[in-house]
């Protein structure tokens, strides 16, 4: 299983499934990260957390912990 956390800088991935439950999953979905959405990884902070991505035309910073819950292809 490949997650958003594993995607390299400059690559685009398509969301396959969101793992996690309840409020965490809802928060990720509220940020616009849903099934079949393309996510482009723009930058990663010097210490690796957070990851800056482009989703649906806007930039978003997401924690590594949350990125690990997003399965991509």
PDB file of N, CA and C in Angstrom:
ATOM      1  N   UNK A   1       0.843  -1.183   0.000  1.00  0.00           N
ATOM      2  CA  UNK A   1       0.000   0.000   0.000  1.00  0.00           C
ATOM      3  C   UNK A   1       0.890   1.249   0.000  1.00  0.00           C
ATOM      4  N   UNK A   2       0.675   2.126  -0.966  1.00  0.00           N
ATOM      5  CA  UNK A   2       1.425   3.374  -1.061  1.00  0.00           C
ATOM      6  C   UNK A   2       0.558   4.491  -0.490  1.00  0.00           C
ATOM      7  N   UNK A   3       1.147   5.309   0.361  1.00  0.00           N
ATOM      8  CA  UNK A   3       0.401   6.408   0.961  1.00  0.00           C
ATOM      9  C   UNK A   3       0.940   7.744   0.452  1.00  0.00           C
ATOM     10  N   UNK A   4       0.228   8.807   0.739  1.00  0.00           N
ATOM     11  CA  UNK A   4       0.652  10.148   0.336  1.00  0.00           C
ATOM     12  C   UNK A   4       2.002  10.490   0.957  1.00  0.00           C
ATOM     13  N   UNK A   5       2.287   9.921   2.090  1.00  0.00           N
ATOM     14  CA  UNK A   5       3.568  10.143   2.769  1.00  0.00           C
ATOM     15  C   UNK A   5       4.748   9.640   1.934  1.00  0.00           C
ATOM     16  N   UNK A   6       4.519   8.626   1.088  1.00  0.00           N
ATOM     17  CA  UNK A   6       5.571   8.007   0.283  1.00  0.00           C
ATOM     18  C   UNK A   6       5.809   8.711  -1.060  1.00  0.00           C
ATOM     19  N   UNK A   7       4.927   9.616  -1.448  1.00  0.00           N
ATOM     20  CA  UNK A   7       5.029  10.284  -2.746  1.00  0.00           C
ATOM     21  C   UNK A   7       6.179  11.302  -2.698  1.00  0.00           C
ATOM     22  N   UNK A   8       6.988  11.307  -3.750  1.00  0.00           N
ATOM     23  CA  UNK A   8       8.150  12.199  -3.826  1.00  0.00           C
ATOM     24  C   UNK A   8       7.739  13.602  -4.255  1.00  0.00           C
ATOM     25  N   UNK A   9       8.600  14.572  -3.980  1.00  0.00           N
ATOM     26  CA  UNK A   9       8.358  15.962  -4.381  1.00  0.00           C
ATOM     27  C   UNK A   9       8.276  16.034  -5.910  1.00  0.00           C
ATOM     28  N   UNK A  10       7.274  16.747  -6.406  1.00  0.00           N
ATOM     29  CA  UNK A  10       7.106  16.912  -7.846  1.00  0.00           C
ATOM     30  C   UNK A  10       6.243  15.848  -8.493  1.00  0.00           C
ATOM     31  N   UNK A  11       5.767  14.882  -7.732  1.00  0.00           N
ATOM     32  CA  UNK A  11       4.919  13.818  -8.288  1.00  0.00           C
ATOM     33  C   UNK A  11       3.454  14.086  -7.974  1.00  0.00           C
ATOM     34  N   UNK A  12       2.599  13.544  -8.828  1.00  0.00           N
ATOM     35  CA  UNK A  12       1.160  13.627  -8.617  1.00  0.00           C
ATOM     36  C   UNK A  12       0.642  12.225  -8.353  1.00  0.00           C
ATOM     37  N   UNK A  13      -0.276  12.106  -7.413  1.00  0.00           N
ATOM     38  CA  UNK A  13      -0.862  10.805  -7.076  1.00  0.00           C
ATOM     39  C   UNK A  13      -2.380  10.958  -7.021  1.00  0.00           C
ATOM     40  N   UNK A  14      -3.078   9.854  -7.276  1.00  0.00           N
ATOM     41  CA  UNK A  14      -4.541   9.840  -7.209  1.00  0.00           C
ATOM     42  C   UNK A  14      -4.961   9.117  -5.931  1.00  0.00           C
ATOM     43  N   UNK A  15      -5.862   9.732  -5.185  1.00  0.00           N
ATOM     44  CA  UNK A  15      -6.335   9.149  -3.926  1.00  0.00           C
ATOM     45  C   UNK A  15      -7.200   7.930  -4.227  1.00  0.00           C
ATOM     46  N   UNK A  16      -6.879   6.816  -3.562  1.00  0.00           N
ATOM     47  CA  UNK A  16      -7.638   5.577  -3.735  1.00  0.00           C
ATOM     48  C   UNK A  16      -8.593   5.378  -2.565  1.00  0.00           C
ATOM     49  N   UNK A  17      -8.092   5.607  -1.335  1.00  0.00           N
ATOM     50  CA  UNK A  17      -8.899   5.341  -0.150  1.00  0.00           C
ATOM     51  C   UNK A  17      -8.382   6.163   1.021  1.00  0.00           C
ATOM     52  N   UNK A  18      -9.305   6.564   1.890  1.00  0.00           N
ATOM     53  CA  UNK A  18      -8.933   7.256   3.122  1.00  0.00           C
ATOM     54  C   UNK A  18      -9.079   6.283   4.284  1.00  0.00           C
ATOM     55  N   UNK A  19      -8.010   6.117   5.025  1.00  0.00           N
ATOM     56  CA  UNK A  19      -8.057   5.274   6.219  1.00  0.00           C
ATOM     57  C   UNK A  19      -8.295   6.192   7.411  1.00  0.00           C
ATOM     58  N   UNK A  20      -8.456   5.643   8.565  1.00  0.00           N
ATOM     59  CA  UNK A  20      -8.750   6.460   9.738  1.00  0.00           C
ATOM     60  C   UNK A  20     -10.244   6.475   9.977  1.00  0.00           C
ATOM     61  N   UNK A  21     -10.647   7.058  11.099  1.00  0.00           N
ATOM     62  CA  UNK A  21     -12.057   7.041  11.448  1.00  0.00           C
ATOM     63  C   UNK A  21     -12.512   8.364  12.018  1.00  0.00           C
ATOM     64  N   UNK A  22     -13.797   8.539  12.023  1.00  0.00           N
ATOM     65  CA  UNK A  22     -14.435   9.660  12.693  1.00  0.00           C
ATOM     66  C   UNK A  22     -13.941  11.026  12.284  1.00  0.00           C
ATOM     67  N   UNK A  23     -13.573  11.819  13.294  1.00  0.00           N
ATOM     68  CA  UNK A  23     -13.214  13.220  13.098  1.00  0.00           C
ATOM     69  C   UNK A  23     -11.990  13.392  12.206  1.00  0.00           C
ATOM     70  N   UNK A  24     -11.015  12.493  12.313  1.00  0.00           N
ATOM     71  CA  UNK A  24      -9.794  12.596  11.507  1.00  0.00           C
ATOM     72  C   UNK A  24     -10.128  12.428  10.027  1.00  0.00           C
ATOM     73  N   UNK A  25     -10.886  11.399   9.708  1.00  0.00           N
ATOM     74  CA  UNK A  25     -11.276  11.149   8.313  1.00  0.00           C
ATOM     75  C   UNK A  25     -12.127  12.311   7.781  1.00  0.00           C
ATOM     76  N   UNK A  26     -13.034  12.790   8.591  1.00  0.00           N
ATOM     77  CA  UNK A  26     -13.906  13.903   8.195  1.00  0.00           C
ATOM     78  C   UNK A  26     -13.078  15.160   7.911  1.00  0.00           C
ATOM     79  N   UNK A  27     -12.062  15.434   8.738  1.00  0.00           N
ATOM     80  CA  UNK A  27     -11.210  16.616   8.557  1.00  0.00           C
ATOM     81  C   UNK A  27     -10.444  16.528   7.244  1.00  0.00           C
ATOM     82  N   UNK A  28      -9.920  15.342   6.934  1.00  0.00           N
ATOM     83  CA  UNK A  28      -9.190  15.150   5.674  1.00  0.00           C
ATOM     84  C   UNK A  28     -10.129  15.377   4.488  1.00  0.00           C
ATOM     85  N   UNK A  29     -11.329  14.852   4.575  1.00  0.00           N
ATOM     86  CA  UNK A  29     -12.301  15.035   3.500  1.00  0.00           C
ATOM     87  C   UNK A  29     -12.718  16.507   3.373  1.00  0.00           C
ATOM     88  N   UNK A  30     -12.837  17.208   4.480  1.00  0.00           N
ATOM     89  CA  UNK A  30     -13.204  18.629   4.460  1.00  0.00           C
ATOM     90  C   UNK A  30     -12.127  19.484   3.802  1.00  0.00           C
ATOM     91  N   UNK A  31     -10.879  19.007   3.814  1.00  0.00           N
ATOM     92  CA  UNK A  31      -9.793  19.732   3.159  1.00  0.00           C
ATOM     93  C   UNK A  31      -9.810  19.519   1.649  1.00  0.00           C
ATOM     94  N   UNK A  32     -10.701  18.671   1.148  1.00  0.00           N
ATOM     95  CA  UNK A  32     -10.813  18.451  -0.287  1.00  0.00           C
ATOM     96  C   UNK A  32     -10.135  17.188  -0.778  1.00  0.00           C
ATOM     97  N   UNK A  33      -9.591  16.411   0.145  1.00  0.00           N
ATOM     98  CA  UNK A  33      -8.918  15.173  -0.248  1.00  0.00           C
ATOM     99  C   UNK A  33      -9.935  14.041  -0.158  1.00  0.00           C
ATOM    100  N   UNK A  34     -10.472  13.671  -1.320  1.00  0.00           N
ATOM    101  CA  UNK A  34     -11.459  12.600  -1.399  1.00  0.00           C
ATOM    102  C   UNK A  34     -11.024  11.603  -2.468  1.00  0.00           C
ATOM    103  N   UNK A  35     -11.760  10.505  -2.574  1.00  0.00           N
ATOM    104  CA  UNK A  35     -11.452   9.471  -3.575  1.00  0.00           C
ATOM    105  C   UNK A  35     -11.366  10.058  -4.968  1.00  0.00           C
ATOM    106  N   UNK A  36     -10.416   9.565  -5.752  1.00  0.00           N
ATOM    107  CA  UNK A  36     -10.196   9.928  -7.155  1.00  0.00           C
ATOM    108  C   UNK A  36      -9.695  11.354  -7.355  1.00  0.00           C
ATOM    109  N   UNK A  37      -9.268  12.030  -6.295  1.00  0.00           N
ATOM    110  CA  UNK A  37      -8.724  13.388  -6.402  1.00  0.00           C
ATOM    111  C   UNK A  37      -7.223  13.310  -6.657  1.00  0.00           C
ATOM    112  N   UNK A  38      -6.729  14.144  -7.571  1.00  0.00           N
ATOM    113  CA  UNK A  38      -5.289  14.214  -7.815  1.00  0.00           C
ATOM    114  C   UNK A  38      -4.646  15.125  -6.780  1.00  0.00           C
ATOM    115  N   UNK A  39      -3.514  14.675  -6.241  1.00  0.00           N
ATOM    116  CA  UNK A  39      -2.773  15.439  -5.238  1.00  0.00           C
ATOM    117  C   UNK A  39      -1.338  15.578  -5.729  1.00  0.00           C
ATOM    118  N   UNK A  40      -0.867  16.814  -5.859  1.00  0.00           N
ATOM    119  CA  UNK A  40       0.493  17.102  -6.310  1.00  0.00           C
ATOM    120  C   UNK A  40       1.334  17.515  -5.097  1.00  0.00           C
ATOM    121  N   UNK A  41       2.451  16.829  -4.874  1.00  0.00           N
ATOM    122  CA  UNK A  41       3.321  17.145  -3.745  1.00  0.00           C
ATOM    123  C   UNK A  41       4.281  18.254  -4.163  1.00  0.00           C
ATOM    124  N   UNK A  42       4.151  19.429  -3.543  1.00  0.00           N
ATOM    125  CA  UNK A  42       4.967  20.597  -3.889  1.00  0.00           C
ATOM    126  C   UNK A  42       6.265  20.643  -3.105  1.00  0.00           C
ATOM    127  N   UNK A  43       6.175  20.541  -1.785  1.00  0.00           N
ATOM    128  CA  UNK A  43       7.348  20.690  -0.925  1.00  0.00           C
ATOM    129  C   UNK A  43       7.205  19.820   0.309  1.00  0.00           C
ATOM    130  N   UNK A  44       8.350  19.563   0.942  1.00  0.00           N
ATOM    131  CA  UNK A  44       8.367  18.903   2.236  1.00  0.00           C
ATOM    132  C   UNK A  44       9.250  19.759   3.134  1.00  0.00           C
ATOM    133  N   UNK A  45       8.794  20.030   4.331  1.00  0.00           N
ATOM    134  CA  UNK A  45       9.558  20.858   5.263  1.00  0.00           C
ATOM    135  C   UNK A  45      10.914  20.203   5.554  1.00  0.00           C
ATOM    136  N   UNK A  46      11.910  20.999   5.961  1.00  0.00           N
ATOM    137  CA  UNK A  46      13.263  20.473   6.199  1.00  0.00           C
ATOM    138  C   UNK A  46      13.322  19.249   7.123  1.00  0.00           C
ATOM    139  N   UNK A  47      12.498  19.205   8.139  1.00  0.00           N
ATOM    140  CA  UNK A  47      12.497  18.053   9.046  1.00  0.00           C
ATOM    141  C   UNK A  47      11.461  17.008   8.637  1.00  0.00           C
ATOM    142  N   UNK A  48      10.831  17.211   7.477  1.00  0.00           N
ATOM    143  CA  UNK A  48       9.914  16.213   6.933  1.00  0.00           C
ATOM    144  C   UNK A  48       8.458  16.395   7.300  1.00  0.00           C
ATOM    145  N   UNK A  49       8.142  17.342   8.163  1.00  0.00           N
ATOM    146  CA  UNK A  49       6.767  17.516   8.591  1.00  0.00           C
ATOM    147  C   UNK A  49       6.470  18.998   8.705  1.00  0.00           C
ATOM    148  N   UNK A  50       5.517  19.597   8.057  1.00  0.00           N
ATOM    149  CA  UNK A  50       4.461  19.017   7.220  1.00  0.00           C
ATOM    150  C   UNK A  50       4.859  18.886   5.751  1.00  0.00           C
ATOM    151  N   UNK A  51       3.924  18.336   4.987  1.00  0.00           N
ATOM    152  CA  UNK A  51       4.076  18.163   3.545  1.00  0.00           C
ATOM    153  C   UNK A  51       3.133  19.181   2.884  1.00  0.00           C
ATOM    154  N   UNK A  52       3.636  19.926   1.903  1.00  0.00           N
ATOM    155  CA  UNK A  52       2.789  20.893   1.209  1.00  0.00           C
ATOM    156  C   UNK A  52       2.331  20.280  -0.111  1.00  0.00           C
ATOM    157  N   UNK A  53       1.022  20.247  -0.318  1.00  0.00           N
ATOM    158  CA  UNK A  53       0.451  19.647  -1.515  1.00  0.00           C
ATOM    159  C   UNK A  53      -0.498  20.635  -2.198  1.00  0.00           C
ATOM    160  N   UNK A  54      -0.785  20.371  -3.467  1.00  0.00           N
ATOM    161  CA  UNK A  54      -1.792  21.137  -4.197  1.00  0.00           C
ATOM    162  C   UNK A  54      -2.957  20.194  -4.473  1.00  0.00           C
ATOM    163  N   UNK A  55      -4.136  20.601  -4.025  1.00  0.00           N
ATOM    164  CA  UNK A  55      -5.351  19.797  -4.180  1.00  0.00           C
ATOM    165  C   UNK A  55      -6.453  20.713  -4.692  1.00  0.00           C
ATOM    166  N   UNK A  56      -7.087  20.328  -5.784  1.00  0.00           N
ATOM    167  CA  UNK A  56      -8.224  21.084  -6.340  1.00  0.00           C
ATOM    168  C   UNK A  56      -7.898  22.565  -6.554  1.00  0.00           C
ATOM    169  N   UNK A  57      -6.647  22.850  -6.932  1.00  0.00           N
ATOM    170  CA  UNK A  57      -6.259  24.213  -7.257  1.00  0.00           C
ATOM    171  C   UNK A  57      -5.803  25.077  -6.089  1.00  0.00           C
ATOM    172  N   UNK A  58      -5.734  24.524  -4.890  1.00  0.00           N
ATOM    173  CA  UNK A  58      -5.222  25.322  -3.781  1.00  0.00           C
ATOM    174  C   UNK A  58      -4.143  24.568  -3.029  1.00  0.00           C
ATOM    175  N   UNK A  59      -3.316  25.321  -2.305  1.00  0.00           N
ATOM    176  CA  UNK A  59      -2.212  24.716  -1.566  1.00  0.00           C
ATOM    177  C   UNK A  59      -2.641  24.374  -0.154  1.00  0.00           C
ATOM    178  N   UNK A  60      -2.118  23.262   0.322  1.00  0.00           N
ATOM    179  CA  UNK A  60      -2.516  22.734   1.615  1.00  0.00           C
ATOM    180  C   UNK A  60      -1.306  22.110   2.286  1.00  0.00           C
ATOM    181  N   UNK A  61      -1.145  22.363   3.567  1.00  0.00           N
ATOM    182  CA  UNK A  61      -0.090  21.695   4.335  1.00  0.00           C
ATOM    183  C   UNK A  61      -0.750  20.616   5.169  1.00  0.00           C
ATOM    184  N   UNK A  62      -0.169  19.436   5.122  1.00  0.00           N
ATOM    185  CA  UNK A  62      -0.747  18.299   5.829  1.00  0.00           C
ATOM    186  C   UNK A  62       0.345  17.584   6.623  1.00  0.00           C
ATOM    187  N   UNK A  63       0.002  17.162   7.821  1.00  0.00           N
ATOM    188  CA  UNK A  63       0.974  16.477   8.670  1.00  0.00           C
ATOM    189  C   UNK A  63       1.277  15.090   8.105  1.00  0.00           C
ATOM    190  N   UNK A  64       2.493  14.626   8.362  1.00  0.00           N
ATOM    191  CA  UNK A  64       2.901  13.290   7.907  1.00  0.00           C
ATOM    192  C   UNK A  64       1.961  12.219   8.454  1.00  0.00           C
ATOM    193  N   UNK A  65       1.568  12.398   9.693  1.00  0.00           N
ATOM    194  CA  UNK A  65       0.664  11.445  10.358  1.00  0.00           C
ATOM    195  C   UNK A  65      -0.646  11.311   9.586  1.00  0.00           C
ATOM    196  N   UNK A  66      -1.180  12.437   9.111  1.00  0.00           N
ATOM    197  CA  UNK A  66      -2.416  12.421   8.329  1.00  0.00           C
ATOM    198  C   UNK A  66      -2.160  11.905   6.914  1.00  0.00           C
ATOM    199  N   UNK A  67      -1.011  12.259   6.335  1.00  0.00           N
ATOM    200  CA  UNK A  67      -0.659  11.801   4.989  1.00  0.00           C
ATOM    201  C   UNK A  67      -0.545  10.278   4.942  1.00  0.00           C
ATOM    202  N   UNK A  68      -0.156   9.666   6.050  1.00  0.00           N
ATOM    203  CA  UNK A  68      -0.012   8.209   6.111  1.00  0.00           C
ATOM    204  C   UNK A  68      -1.382   7.510   6.055  1.00  0.00           C
ATOM    205  N   UNK A  69      -2.456   8.251   6.288  1.00  0.00           N
ATOM    206  CA  UNK A  69      -3.812   7.669   6.253  1.00  0.00           C
ATOM    207  C   UNK A  69      -4.433   7.748   4.873  1.00  0.00           C
ATOM    208  N   UNK A  70      -3.730   8.374   3.915  1.00  0.00           N
ATOM    209  CA  UNK A  70      -4.282   8.581   2.579  1.00  0.00           C
ATOM    210  C   UNK A  70      -3.596   7.621   1.608  1.00  0.00           C
ATOM    211  N   UNK A  71      -4.337   6.608   1.172  1.00  0.00           N
ATOM    212  CA  UNK A  71      -3.804   5.614   0.228  1.00  0.00           C
ATOM    213  C   UNK A  71      -3.897   6.180  -1.183  1.00  0.00           C
ATOM    214  N   UNK A  72      -2.787   6.103  -1.930  1.00  0.00           N
ATOM    215  CA  UNK A  72      -2.743   6.645  -3.295  1.00  0.00           C
ATOM    216  C   UNK A  72      -2.227   5.607  -4.278  1.00  0.00           C
ATOM    217  N   UNK A  73      -2.379   5.940  -5.566  1.00  0.00           N
ATOM    218  CA  UNK A  73      -1.820   5.086  -6.622  1.00  0.00           C
ATOM    219  C   UNK A  73      -1.010   5.930  -7.573  1.00  0.00           C
TER     220      UNK A  73
END
